[in-house]
Amino acid sequence: MSESKAWDEALEAWGKALDSGVELDPKAVSLCSVSTLGVDRSVRAILKPITVSEVIALVQIATRYRIPLYPISIGNNWGYGSASPVVDGCVLVDLSSMNAINSFEEKLGLVTVEPGVTVGQLEEYLRERKASFISPTTGSGPSASLIGNALDHGAATSAYTDRFSTIRSLKVVLSDGTLYTSQNDGEQHRGFFKWGVGPYIDGLFGQSSLGIVVGATFALAPRPQKTEIFFLTTRGGTSLGQLVEATRALLHGVGSSVPSVSILHARRAYARLAAYPQGQNPKELIPPEVVERQLHSLHLGEWSLSGVLQGEPSMVRAARPLIRKYFKKSPEQVLFFSSKVNAFFRFLKVLPAGLRRRLGFLPLVDSHAIAAEGRSIRASLIPLWKLMQGFGLEQTLLMRKTEIDFDENPHCGFIHFTAVLPLIGEKAEAFNKIVEEMCIRYRIEPLLSYRTFSERCLLATLPILFDRTDPEEVKKAHTFYAALASAIRECGAYVYRVPNFAMPAVVDGDQMFWEIARRIKDALDPSHIISPGRYIPED
């Protein structure tokens, strides 16, 4: 059968199988081929199933005619590829219409959802029921898919930071139409025991292309009785390594009362709090004296650390002196703030200018407090930072009330570089040195942040910003990413979420690990119909 005849027959079959039909409008289809990565991938059509049976049918049709599919939950995977496939010529499977919250076990905090359910939707669902559990929050904002973010090993900004570890059961459509369900996926108390009996198969479907996940059960974090944020900034020479060592000791000593700690590089804090300098050449680094002057006016230093303290009120009170003890080697004072710190913003305008500047770091505290309590935070505006010349702090904060689609701005080039490294001070120092030196070499702003991913692991994020209408800028950003991904291995770090364009550079087909991954792919998806090239090497 010719390729054109196979395509026509597949379209006809999909049209009969799907109530929502097949989207072929060139404008709608072209929008899905664009992302902030600066690489556009051709999409042939969009399928919009609304039931599991429709997903099974469309997959069987695709396998019959050997047409590759690229499933997305919603497509807001900004900085990693959004809805754009890894390779050209895929048919997009848009699961956003499958957005039901199917069950909620109120005593155990187990919620079962479909792929289109968002962080904000679950938050509202739990609020209406006055539930004693909270929705996870991510840097992608309330419109992020719960399932999509977790499957790509996303990190929450609230408790239970490791999102993938909160998956308790899965439903997955395989390439032949088989519906895989977790062994523990019973009707009563679904997912109360994560592992089941025998081999743990669910893990195969994280960061892979082995099937289309159509449902998942998550364990939610309990709603804290009291939340406080502790904050310090290093104006006295305390190093990143010292902060990391103190943080590890704190997590080991205090435990779950401190679910997360975040450490911001001076330039990351600058990007969070101040407008991009008027007249600055965006292809060059902001001069150090400009950054220092701005941070000095905000009373911030080289590093800014904020952490979450949660638990019963008596536990929170008892933990404060312990936190001060762990950071006693830092000459800077540890400050504690109520989670209601945002209520203070209404008084900022009436305060004297000097005092207002001294409190300029409060947005950092506030965003951490919002996330810690499971309240939706808007997607970070950092991808648009270089495009916002002339905006002041108040305008920047005001814009946070509006959800933004970064893919729509043709100049918004944004690649999310994320890596994991041991929670060891000297390792963090070595990693930071590598990144800073390479940023200077490539003239990329080192907008680094570090967050605890566990009591043993540190998550580093670096947004790579560029003008994606400029081919030279795109080439520079892609070259920088590949070089940095290779360089950080020297200090034991490695990339842990990969943008679509960089899969060949990071997914090393010569290692036995990837050979085994390919064998599993060949067994479950022999024709490589589902998400070709995504996290599993192609021949």
Protein backbone atom coordinates (compact mmCIF):
# COMPACT_ATOMS: atom_id res chain seq x y z
CA MET A 1 0.00 0.00 0.00
CA SER A 2 1.32 3.44 -0.90
CA GLU A 3 2.05 5.93 1.87
CA SER A 4 -0.64 8.34 0.64
CA LYS A 5 -3.29 5.62 0.51
CA ALA A 6 -2.33 4.43 4.01
CA TRP A 7 -2.65 8.00 5.26
CA ASP A 8 -6.08 8.45 3.68
CA GLU A 9 -7.35 5.19 5.13
CA ALA A 10 -5.97 6.05 8.56
CA LEU A 11 -7.70 9.45 8.50
CA GLU A 12 -10.97 7.82 7.57
CA ALA A 13 -10.61 5.23 10.34
CA TRP A 14 -9.73 7.87 12.95
CA GLY A 15 -12.70 9.97 11.87
CA LYS A 16 -15.03 7.05 12.57
CA ALA A 17 -13.33 6.11 15.86
CA LEU A 18 -13.18 9.55 17.47
CA ASP A 19 -16.21 11.62 18.44
CA SER A 20 -14.06 14.76 18.36
CA GLY A 21 -12.75 13.82 14.93
CA VAL A 22 -9.40 14.70 13.45
CA GLU A 23 -7.95 18.23 13.39
CA LEU A 24 -6.34 19.00 10.03
CA ASP A 25 -6.61 22.80 9.99
CA PRO A 26 -3.11 24.01 9.00
CA LYS A 27 -3.10 26.88 11.50
CA ALA A 28 -4.09 24.69 14.45
CA VAL A 29 -1.64 21.98 13.44
CA SER A 30 1.24 24.42 12.89
CA LEU A 31 0.81 25.88 16.39
CA CYS A 32 1.70 22.47 17.84
CA SER A 33 4.95 22.33 15.88
CA VAL A 34 6.34 25.45 17.59
CA SER A 35 8.10 25.66 20.94
CA THR A 36 10.48 27.94 22.80
CA LEU A 37 13.38 25.62 21.87
CA GLY A 38 13.91 27.28 18.49
CA VAL A 39 13.31 24.05 16.58
CA ASP A 40 9.98 23.49 14.81
CA ARG A 41 8.78 19.95 14.08
CA SER A 42 6.16 19.16 11.46
CA VAL A 43 2.88 17.72 12.77
CA ARG A 44 0.56 15.96 10.31
CA ALA A 45 -2.69 16.09 12.29
CA ILE A 46 -4.13 16.30 15.81
CA LEU A 47 -6.29 13.60 17.37
CA LYS A 48 -8.42 14.51 20.39
CA PRO A 49 -9.74 11.42 22.19
CA ILE A 50 -12.14 11.80 25.09
CA THR A 51 -12.27 8.21 26.37
CA VAL A 52 -9.82 5.37 26.97
CA SER A 53 -11.57 3.27 24.34
CA GLU A 54 -10.92 6.02 21.78
CA VAL A 55 -7.23 6.05 22.69
CA ILE A 56 -7.09 2.29 22.21
CA ALA A 57 -8.78 2.58 18.82
CA LEU A 58 -6.55 5.38 17.51
CA VAL A 59 -3.40 3.55 18.62
CA GLN A 60 -4.47 0.35 16.88
CA ILE A 61 -5.13 2.33 13.69
CA ALA A 62 -1.74 4.04 13.89
CA THR A 63 0.00 0.70 14.37
CA ARG A 64 -1.89 -0.85 11.47
CA TYR A 65 -0.74 1.91 9.12
CA ARG A 66 2.64 2.54 10.80
CA ILE A 67 1.99 6.22 11.50
CA PRO A 68 3.95 7.64 14.47
CA LEU A 69 2.02 9.24 17.32
CA TYR A 70 3.14 11.86 19.83
CA PRO A 71 0.90 12.01 22.91
CA ILE A 72 0.71 15.13 25.07
CA SER A 73 -1.29 15.71 28.23
CA ILE A 74 -1.80 19.44 27.66
CA GLY A 75 1.36 20.66 25.94
CA ASN A 76 2.59 23.24 28.46
CA ASN A 77 5.97 21.57 28.88
CA TRP A 78 7.73 24.90 28.35
CA GLY A 79 11.48 24.84 28.00
CA TYR A 80 11.48 21.13 27.12
CA GLY A 81 9.46 21.10 23.89
CA SER A 82 5.85 22.01 24.78
CA ALA A 83 3.59 20.05 22.38
CA SER A 84 6.25 19.72 19.68
CA PRO A 85 7.39 16.14 18.89
CA VAL A 86 10.99 14.93 18.94
CA VAL A 87 10.91 14.04 15.21
CA ASP A 88 9.02 15.31 12.19
CA GLY A 89 5.92 13.71 10.75
CA CYS A 90 4.08 12.64 13.90
CA VAL A 91 0.36 12.81 14.56
CA LEU A 92 -0.28 14.60 17.83
CA VAL A 93 -2.54 12.87 20.35
CA ASP A 94 -3.99 15.67 22.46
CA LEU A 95 -5.29 14.20 25.75
CA SER A 96 -6.38 17.53 27.27
CA SER A 97 -10.10 16.69 26.85
CA MET A 98 -9.65 13.68 29.13
CA ASN A 99 -9.79 15.83 32.26
CA ALA A 100 -11.84 13.93 34.83
CA ILE A 101 -10.90 13.48 38.47
CA ASN A 102 -12.18 9.92 38.78
CA SER A 103 -11.81 9.30 42.50
CA PHE A 104 -10.47 10.74 45.72
CA GLU A 105 -9.73 8.68 48.82
CA GLU A 106 -10.15 11.39 51.48
CA LYS A 107 -8.61 9.45 54.36
CA LEU A 108 -5.46 8.37 52.54
CA GLY A 109 -5.03 11.33 50.21
CA LEU A 110 -5.06 9.27 47.01
CA VAL A 111 -6.49 10.92 43.90
CA THR A 112 -7.02 9.29 40.49
CA VAL A 113 -6.99 11.57 37.47
CA GLU A 114 -6.91 11.63 33.68
CA PRO A 115 -4.09 13.28 31.66
CA GLY A 116 -5.90 16.58 31.11
CA VAL A 117 -6.33 17.35 34.82
CA THR A 118 -4.25 20.37 35.79
CA VAL A 119 -2.59 21.46 39.01
CA GLY A 120 -5.08 24.32 39.31
CA GLN A 121 -8.07 22.07 38.65
CA LEU A 122 -7.06 19.69 41.43
CA GLU A 123 -6.42 22.61 43.76
CA GLU A 124 -9.97 23.87 43.21
CA TYR A 125 -11.37 20.35 43.61
CA LEU A 126 -9.64 19.92 46.98
CA ARG A 127 -10.61 23.41 48.15
CA GLU A 128 -14.29 22.81 47.40
CA ARG A 129 -14.19 19.65 49.51
CA LYS A 130 -12.17 21.32 52.28
CA ALA A 131 -9.81 18.37 51.98
CA SER A 132 -6.93 17.86 54.36
CA PHE A 133 -4.51 17.38 51.44
CA ILE A 134 -2.97 19.83 48.98
CA SER A 135 -2.40 19.92 45.24
CA PRO A 136 1.25 19.76 44.10
CA THR A 137 2.54 23.00 42.64
CA THR A 138 5.18 23.37 39.93
CA GLY A 139 7.08 26.16 38.28
CA SER A 140 4.94 25.68 35.17
CA GLY A 141 1.92 27.22 36.88
CA PRO A 142 -1.66 26.05 37.45
CA SER A 143 -2.16 24.99 33.81
CA ALA A 144 0.43 22.19 34.01
CA SER A 145 -0.81 18.62 33.68
CA LEU A 146 -0.45 16.51 36.81
CA ILE A 147 0.31 13.38 34.82
CA GLY A 148 2.50 14.98 32.16
CA ASN A 149 4.68 16.76 34.70
CA ALA A 150 5.08 13.71 36.92
CA LEU A 151 5.90 11.33 34.05
CA ASP A 152 8.70 13.67 32.92
CA HIS A 153 10.08 13.59 36.49
CA GLY A 154 8.95 17.10 37.32
CA ALA A 155 9.74 18.68 40.67
CA ALA A 156 7.06 20.13 42.92
CA THR A 157 7.61 23.42 44.71
CA SER A 158 5.49 22.11 47.59
CA ALA A 159 5.98 19.02 49.76
CA TYR A 160 6.66 15.67 48.04
CA THR A 161 9.16 17.38 45.75
CA ASP A 162 9.84 14.29 43.61
CA ARG A 163 6.63 14.20 41.58
CA PHE A 164 7.30 10.84 39.91
CA SER A 165 7.63 9.13 43.29
CA THR A 166 4.05 10.17 44.16
CA ILE A 167 2.58 8.02 41.36
CA ARG A 168 0.87 5.05 42.99
CA SER A 169 -0.78 3.35 39.99
CA LEU A 170 -1.10 3.77 36.22
CA LYS A 171 -3.33 2.94 33.27
CA VAL A 172 -1.41 2.79 29.99
CA VAL A 173 -2.43 2.01 26.40
CA LEU A 174 0.30 0.06 24.62
CA SER A 175 0.99 0.15 20.88
CA ASP A 176 -1.15 -2.93 20.14
CA GLY A 177 -4.12 -1.52 22.07
CA THR A 178 -3.49 -3.51 25.26
CA LEU A 179 -4.58 -1.62 28.38
CA TYR A 180 -1.96 -2.06 31.09
CA THR A 181 -3.10 -1.41 34.65
CA SER A 182 -0.98 -1.47 37.78
CA GLN A 183 -1.26 -4.54 39.92
CA ASN A 184 -2.55 -2.47 42.85
CA ASP A 185 -5.22 -0.71 40.78
CA GLY A 186 -8.20 -2.15 42.65
CA GLU A 187 -11.48 -0.32 43.04
CA GLN A 188 -11.09 0.15 46.80
CA HIS A 189 -8.24 2.28 48.13
CA ARG A 190 -6.51 2.26 44.74
CA GLY A 191 -2.75 2.67 45.05
CA PHE A 192 -2.46 2.47 48.83
CA PHE A 193 0.55 0.13 48.33
CA LYS A 194 2.77 1.41 45.53
CA TRP A 195 4.78 -1.68 44.63
CA GLY A 196 2.30 -4.55 44.35
CA VAL A 197 3.85 -8.03 44.12
CA GLY A 198 6.61 -9.01 41.72
CA PRO A 199 8.49 -6.73 39.28
CA TYR A 200 7.67 -3.03 39.49
CA ILE A 201 6.57 -2.23 35.94
CA ASP A 202 5.06 1.25 36.44
CA GLY A 203 8.51 2.84 36.50
CA LEU A 204 9.04 1.94 32.85
CA PHE A 205 6.52 4.58 31.79
CA GLY A 206 8.34 7.56 33.28
CA GLN A 207 10.49 9.47 30.78
CA SER A 208 9.86 6.88 28.09
CA SER A 209 7.88 6.21 24.93
CA LEU A 210 6.49 2.79 25.80
CA GLY A 211 2.79 3.67 25.90
CA ILE A 212 0.17 6.37 26.33
CA VAL A 213 -0.72 6.96 29.98
CA VAL A 214 -4.47 7.53 30.28
CA GLY A 215 -4.83 7.55 34.06
CA ALA A 216 -2.81 7.75 37.26
CA THR A 217 -3.30 7.69 41.01
CA PHE A 218 -1.22 10.12 43.07
CA ALA A 219 -0.39 10.37 46.75
CA LEU A 220 -1.02 13.93 47.96
CA ALA A 221 0.81 15.76 50.72
CA PRO A 222 -1.22 16.50 53.87
CA ARG A 223 -2.30 20.10 54.35
CA PRO A 224 0.09 21.60 56.93
CA GLN A 225 -1.34 23.09 60.10
CA LYS A 226 1.25 25.87 60.03
CA THR A 227 3.73 27.07 57.42
CA GLU A 228 6.61 29.48 57.81
CA ILE A 229 9.37 30.50 55.44
CA PHE A 230 12.91 31.07 56.66
CA PHE A 231 15.22 33.28 54.64
CA LEU A 232 18.82 34.47 54.62
CA THR A 233 21.08 36.18 52.12
CA THR A 234 24.87 35.96 52.07
CA ARG A 235 26.38 39.40 52.38
CA GLY A 236 29.24 38.20 54.59
CA GLY A 237 31.08 35.82 52.29
CA THR A 238 29.28 32.55 53.05
CA SER A 239 29.84 30.24 50.08
CA LEU A 240 27.40 28.04 48.19
CA GLY A 241 29.22 24.99 49.53
CA GLN A 242 28.71 26.11 53.13
CA LEU A 243 25.00 26.70 52.51
CA VAL A 244 24.64 23.25 50.93
CA GLU A 245 26.45 21.57 53.83
CA ALA A 246 24.23 23.36 56.35
CA THR A 247 21.14 22.44 54.33
CA ARG A 248 22.02 18.74 54.25
CA ALA A 249 22.67 18.72 57.99
CA LEU A 250 19.36 20.51 58.54
CA LEU A 251 17.37 18.01 56.45
CA HIS A 252 19.00 15.04 58.17
CA GLY A 253 18.44 16.58 61.58
CA VAL A 254 14.96 18.06 61.29
CA GLY A 255 13.42 15.72 58.72
CA SER A 256 10.06 16.31 57.06
CA SER A 257 9.44 19.54 59.00
CA VAL A 258 11.57 21.18 56.29
CA PRO A 259 10.23 19.78 52.99
CA SER A 260 12.27 22.04 50.72
CA VAL A 261 15.12 24.53 50.61
CA SER A 262 15.93 26.78 47.65
CA ILE A 263 19.20 28.64 46.98
CA LEU A 264 19.29 31.37 44.34
CA HIS A 265 22.35 32.65 42.51
CA ALA A 266 22.63 36.45 42.57
CA ARG A 267 21.61 36.71 38.91
CA ARG A 268 18.62 34.42 39.39
CA ALA A 269 17.43 36.62 42.26
CA TYR A 270 18.04 39.67 40.05
CA ALA A 271 15.87 38.17 37.29
CA ARG A 272 13.12 37.36 39.78
CA LEU A 273 12.98 40.80 41.35
CA ALA A 274 14.11 43.45 38.85
CA ALA A 275 13.50 44.35 35.23
CA TYR A 276 16.08 43.59 32.58
CA PRO A 277 18.30 46.71 32.30
CA GLN A 278 17.06 49.28 29.82
CA GLY A 279 19.45 49.53 26.88
CA GLN A 280 21.39 46.36 27.77
CA ASN A 281 22.50 44.32 24.73
CA PRO A 282 20.64 41.00 25.24
CA LYS A 283 23.40 39.13 23.41
CA GLU A 284 25.92 40.08 26.09
CA LEU A 285 26.14 39.48 29.85
CA ILE A 286 24.86 42.15 32.21
CA PRO A 287 27.93 43.80 33.79
CA PRO A 288 28.62 42.54 37.33
CA GLU A 289 28.51 46.05 38.79
CA VAL A 290 24.95 46.51 37.49
CA VAL A 291 23.82 43.28 39.16
CA GLU A 292 25.62 44.11 42.41
CA ARG A 293 24.18 47.62 42.52
CA GLN A 294 20.63 46.38 42.01
CA LEU A 295 20.95 43.60 44.59
CA HIS A 296 22.58 45.96 47.08
CA SER A 297 19.54 48.24 46.82
CA LEU A 298 17.39 45.21 47.68
CA HIS A 299 19.77 44.25 50.50
CA LEU A 300 20.61 40.94 48.84
CA GLY A 301 23.99 39.29 48.44
CA GLU A 302 25.66 36.61 46.36
CA TRP A 303 23.27 33.84 47.45
CA SER A 304 19.71 33.95 48.76
CA LEU A 305 18.33 30.94 50.63
CA SER A 306 14.71 30.27 51.51
CA GLY A 307 13.19 27.20 53.09
CA VAL A 308 9.85 25.85 54.16
CA LEU A 309 9.07 25.00 57.76
CA GLN A 310 5.82 23.08 58.31
CA GLY A 311 3.99 21.07 60.92
CA GLU A 312 1.97 21.53 64.07
CA PRO A 313 2.45 25.02 65.57
CA SER A 314 4.45 23.66 68.50
CA MET A 315 6.77 21.78 66.11
CA VAL A 316 7.32 24.91 64.04
CA ARG A 317 8.19 26.95 67.13
CA ALA A 318 10.59 24.25 68.32
CA ALA A 319 12.30 24.03 64.93
CA ARG A 320 13.19 27.73 64.63
CA PRO A 321 16.20 27.64 66.99
CA LEU A 322 17.37 24.42 65.32
CA ILE A 323 17.37 26.11 61.92
CA ARG A 324 19.35 29.03 63.35
CA LYS A 325 21.80 26.51 64.82
CA TYR A 326 22.43 24.76 61.50
CA PHE A 327 23.14 28.08 59.80
CA LYS A 328 25.12 29.55 62.70
CA LYS A 329 28.33 29.60 60.63
CA SER A 330 26.68 32.12 58.34
CA PRO A 331 27.09 35.64 59.75
CA GLU A 332 23.76 36.63 58.19
CA GLN A 333 20.60 36.53 60.27
CA VAL A 334 17.97 33.90 59.53
CA LEU A 335 14.58 35.59 59.18
CA PHE A 336 11.22 33.85 59.63
CA PHE A 337 8.02 34.86 57.87
CA SER A 338 4.41 33.77 58.13
CA SER A 339 2.94 32.08 55.05
CA LYS A 340 0.57 35.09 54.87
CA VAL A 341 3.45 37.38 53.95
CA ASN A 342 1.59 38.41 50.78
CA ALA A 343 -0.84 40.39 52.93
CA PHE A 344 2.04 42.75 53.65
CA PHE A 345 2.32 43.78 49.99
CA ARG A 346 -0.67 46.11 50.30
CA PHE A 347 1.35 48.26 52.71
CA LEU A 348 4.51 48.47 50.60
CA LYS A 349 3.49 51.58 48.71
CA VAL A 350 2.93 53.61 51.88
CA LEU A 351 6.28 52.70 53.42
CA PRO A 352 9.32 54.98 53.10
CA ALA A 353 11.34 54.25 49.96
CA GLY A 354 14.35 53.01 51.94
CA LEU A 355 12.33 50.51 53.93
CA ARG A 356 10.47 49.44 50.80
CA ARG A 357 13.77 48.59 49.13
CA ARG A 358 14.95 46.69 52.20
CA LEU A 359 11.89 44.47 51.83
CA GLY A 360 12.35 44.03 48.09
CA PHE A 361 13.16 40.34 48.54
CA LEU A 362 9.67 39.55 49.89
CA PRO A 363 8.37 38.25 46.52
CA LEU A 364 10.92 35.42 46.84
CA VAL A 365 9.52 34.54 50.25
CA ASP A 366 5.94 34.91 49.10
CA SER A 367 6.24 32.59 46.09
CA HIS A 368 7.79 29.91 48.31
CA ALA A 369 4.99 30.31 50.86
CA ILE A 370 2.25 30.08 48.21
CA ALA A 371 3.68 26.89 46.75
CA ALA A 372 4.32 25.31 50.15
CA GLU A 373 0.62 25.51 50.99
CA GLY A 374 -0.48 23.98 47.69
CA ARG A 375 -1.76 27.22 46.21
CA SER A 376 -1.21 27.74 42.51
CA ILE A 377 1.66 29.97 41.49
CA ARG A 378 1.73 31.48 38.04
CA ALA A 379 4.38 30.31 35.61
CA SER A 380 7.66 32.15 36.12
CA LEU A 381 8.13 35.16 33.86
CA ILE A 382 11.86 34.54 33.50
CA PRO A 383 11.48 33.19 29.91
CA LEU A 384 10.26 36.69 28.96
CA TRP A 385 12.75 38.56 31.14
CA LYS A 386 14.92 39.87 28.29
CA LEU A 387 11.78 40.98 26.43
CA MET A 388 10.44 43.03 29.35
CA GLN A 389 12.82 45.99 29.24
CA GLY A 390 11.22 48.96 30.92
CA PHE A 391 8.93 47.08 33.31
CA GLY A 392 9.34 47.90 36.98
CA LEU A 393 8.94 45.56 39.93
CA GLU A 394 5.27 46.42 40.54
CA GLN A 395 4.37 45.79 36.89
CA THR A 396 6.28 42.52 36.91
CA LEU A 397 4.35 41.32 39.94
CA LEU A 398 1.08 42.48 38.42
CA MET A 399 1.75 40.43 35.30
CA ARG A 400 1.99 37.31 37.43
CA LYS A 401 -1.80 37.37 37.68
CA THR A 402 -2.05 36.46 34.01
CA GLU A 403 -1.22 33.05 32.59
CA ILE A 404 1.14 33.29 29.61
CA ASP A 405 1.81 30.96 26.69
CA PHE A 406 5.52 31.41 26.03
CA ASP A 407 5.32 29.59 22.68
CA GLU A 408 3.19 32.40 21.25
CA ASN A 409 5.96 35.02 21.45
CA PRO A 410 8.24 34.43 18.43
CA HIS A 411 11.23 36.04 20.20
CA CYS A 412 10.92 33.95 23.38
CA GLY A 413 13.73 31.45 23.18
CA PHE A 414 13.83 29.36 26.35
CA ILE A 415 15.55 26.06 27.07
CA HIS A 416 15.28 24.59 30.54
CA PHE A 417 18.58 23.06 31.62
CA THR A 418 17.96 20.87 34.66
CA ALA A 419 20.47 18.66 36.39
CA VAL A 420 20.81 16.65 39.57
CA LEU A 421 23.89 16.42 41.77
CA PRO A 422 24.78 15.08 45.21
CA LEU A 423 23.77 17.26 48.15
CA ILE A 424 27.44 17.84 49.01
CA GLY A 425 28.99 21.28 49.31
CA GLU A 426 32.15 20.61 47.30
CA LYS A 427 30.12 19.01 44.49
CA ALA A 428 27.83 22.03 44.35
CA GLU A 429 30.85 24.36 44.23
CA ALA A 430 32.41 22.37 41.39
CA PHE A 431 29.13 22.28 39.46
CA ASN A 432 28.56 25.99 39.94
CA LYS A 433 32.11 26.80 38.76
CA ILE A 434 31.64 24.77 35.57
CA VAL A 435 28.31 26.42 34.79
CA GLU A 436 29.52 29.98 35.50
CA GLU A 437 32.63 29.56 33.38
CA MET A 438 30.67 28.14 30.46
CA CYS A 439 28.03 30.86 30.76
CA ILE A 440 30.75 33.51 30.51
CA ARG A 441 32.28 31.75 27.50
CA TYR A 442 28.94 31.55 25.65
CA ARG A 443 27.55 34.84 27.01
CA ILE A 444 24.58 33.15 28.66
CA GLU A 445 23.23 34.70 31.87
CA PRO A 446 23.92 32.23 34.76
CA LEU A 447 20.39 32.40 36.19
CA LEU A 448 21.07 29.45 38.47
CA SER A 449 18.89 28.10 41.22
CA TYR A 450 19.34 25.07 43.45
CA ARG A 451 16.58 23.22 45.23
CA THR A 452 16.61 20.17 47.47
CA PHE A 453 15.15 17.22 45.55
CA SER A 454 15.60 14.95 48.55
CA GLU A 455 17.79 14.84 51.64
CA ARG A 456 20.60 13.51 49.41
CA CYS A 457 20.01 15.19 46.07
CA LEU A 458 20.17 18.75 44.78
CA LEU A 459 18.24 19.90 41.71
CA ALA A 460 19.88 22.66 39.66
CA THR A 461 17.97 24.68 37.09
CA LEU A 462 19.28 27.12 34.50
CA PRO A 463 16.91 28.84 32.06
CA ILE A 464 18.79 29.46 28.80
CA LEU A 465 17.33 32.61 27.25
CA PHE A 466 17.80 33.67 23.62
CA ASP A 467 15.99 35.21 20.66
CA ARG A 468 14.60 32.32 18.68
CA THR A 469 14.11 34.47 15.58
CA ASP A 470 17.90 34.81 15.36
CA PRO A 471 19.52 31.66 13.86
CA GLU A 472 22.88 32.47 15.43
CA GLU A 473 21.31 32.83 18.85
CA VAL A 474 19.49 29.49 18.43
CA LYS A 475 22.69 27.75 17.36
CA LYS A 476 24.59 29.23 20.30
CA ALA A 477 21.94 28.11 22.81
CA HIS A 478 21.85 24.56 21.44
CA THR A 479 25.63 24.27 21.33
CA PHE A 480 25.87 25.60 24.88
CA TYR A 481 23.31 23.07 26.11
CA ALA A 482 25.15 20.09 24.60
CA ALA A 483 28.53 21.29 25.88
CA LEU A 484 27.22 21.92 29.40
CA ALA A 485 25.41 18.56 29.55
CA SER A 486 28.75 16.89 28.85
CA ALA A 487 30.89 19.11 31.09
CA ILE A 488 28.91 18.67 34.32
CA ARG A 489 29.64 14.94 34.36
CA GLU A 490 33.08 15.88 35.70
CA CYS A 491 31.56 16.64 39.11
CA GLY A 492 29.14 13.71 39.23
CA ALA A 493 26.12 15.67 38.00
CA TYR A 494 23.92 14.82 35.04
CA VAL A 495 20.94 16.15 33.11
CA TYR A 496 17.71 14.61 34.32
CA ARG A 497 15.04 16.19 32.07
CA VAL A 498 15.88 16.54 28.42
CA PRO A 499 14.48 19.03 25.88
CA ASN A 500 13.27 17.35 22.71
CA PHE A 501 16.02 18.73 20.48
CA ALA A 502 18.74 17.40 22.80
CA MET A 503 17.63 13.77 23.05
CA PRO A 504 20.41 12.50 20.72
CA ALA A 505 23.07 14.38 22.70
CA VAL A 506 22.01 13.10 26.12
CA VAL A 507 20.51 9.68 25.41
CA ASP A 508 23.71 7.70 24.85
CA GLY A 509 22.92 4.66 22.73
CA ASP A 510 26.32 3.09 23.39
CA GLN A 511 25.64 2.42 27.07
CA MET A 512 24.15 -0.91 28.08
CA PHE A 513 21.40 0.91 29.99
CA TRP A 514 20.11 2.45 26.77
CA GLU A 515 20.51 -0.84 24.93
CA ILE A 516 18.19 -2.48 27.46
CA ALA A 517 15.77 0.43 27.11
CA ARG A 518 15.75 -0.11 23.34
CA ARG A 519 15.06 -3.83 23.79
CA ILE A 520 12.06 -3.06 26.00
CA LYS A 521 10.84 -0.56 23.39
CA ASP A 522 11.18 -3.18 20.66
CA ALA A 523 9.15 -5.64 22.74
CA LEU A 524 6.29 -3.30 23.68
CA ASP A 525 6.27 -1.10 20.57
CA PRO A 526 7.94 -3.06 17.75
CA SER A 527 7.17 -0.48 15.05
CA HIS A 528 8.19 2.46 17.29
CA ILE A 529 4.80 4.09 16.79
CA ILE A 530 4.61 5.97 20.10
CA SER A 531 6.81 9.06 20.58
CA PRO A 532 9.75 7.96 18.41
CA GLY A 533 13.04 9.33 19.69
CA ARG A 534 11.76 10.31 23.12
CA TYR A 535 14.20 9.17 25.83
CA ILE A 536 14.82 5.83 24.06
CA PRO A 537 17.43 5.82 21.29
CA GLU A 538 16.36 5.13 17.73
CA ASP A 539 18.51 2.93 15.51
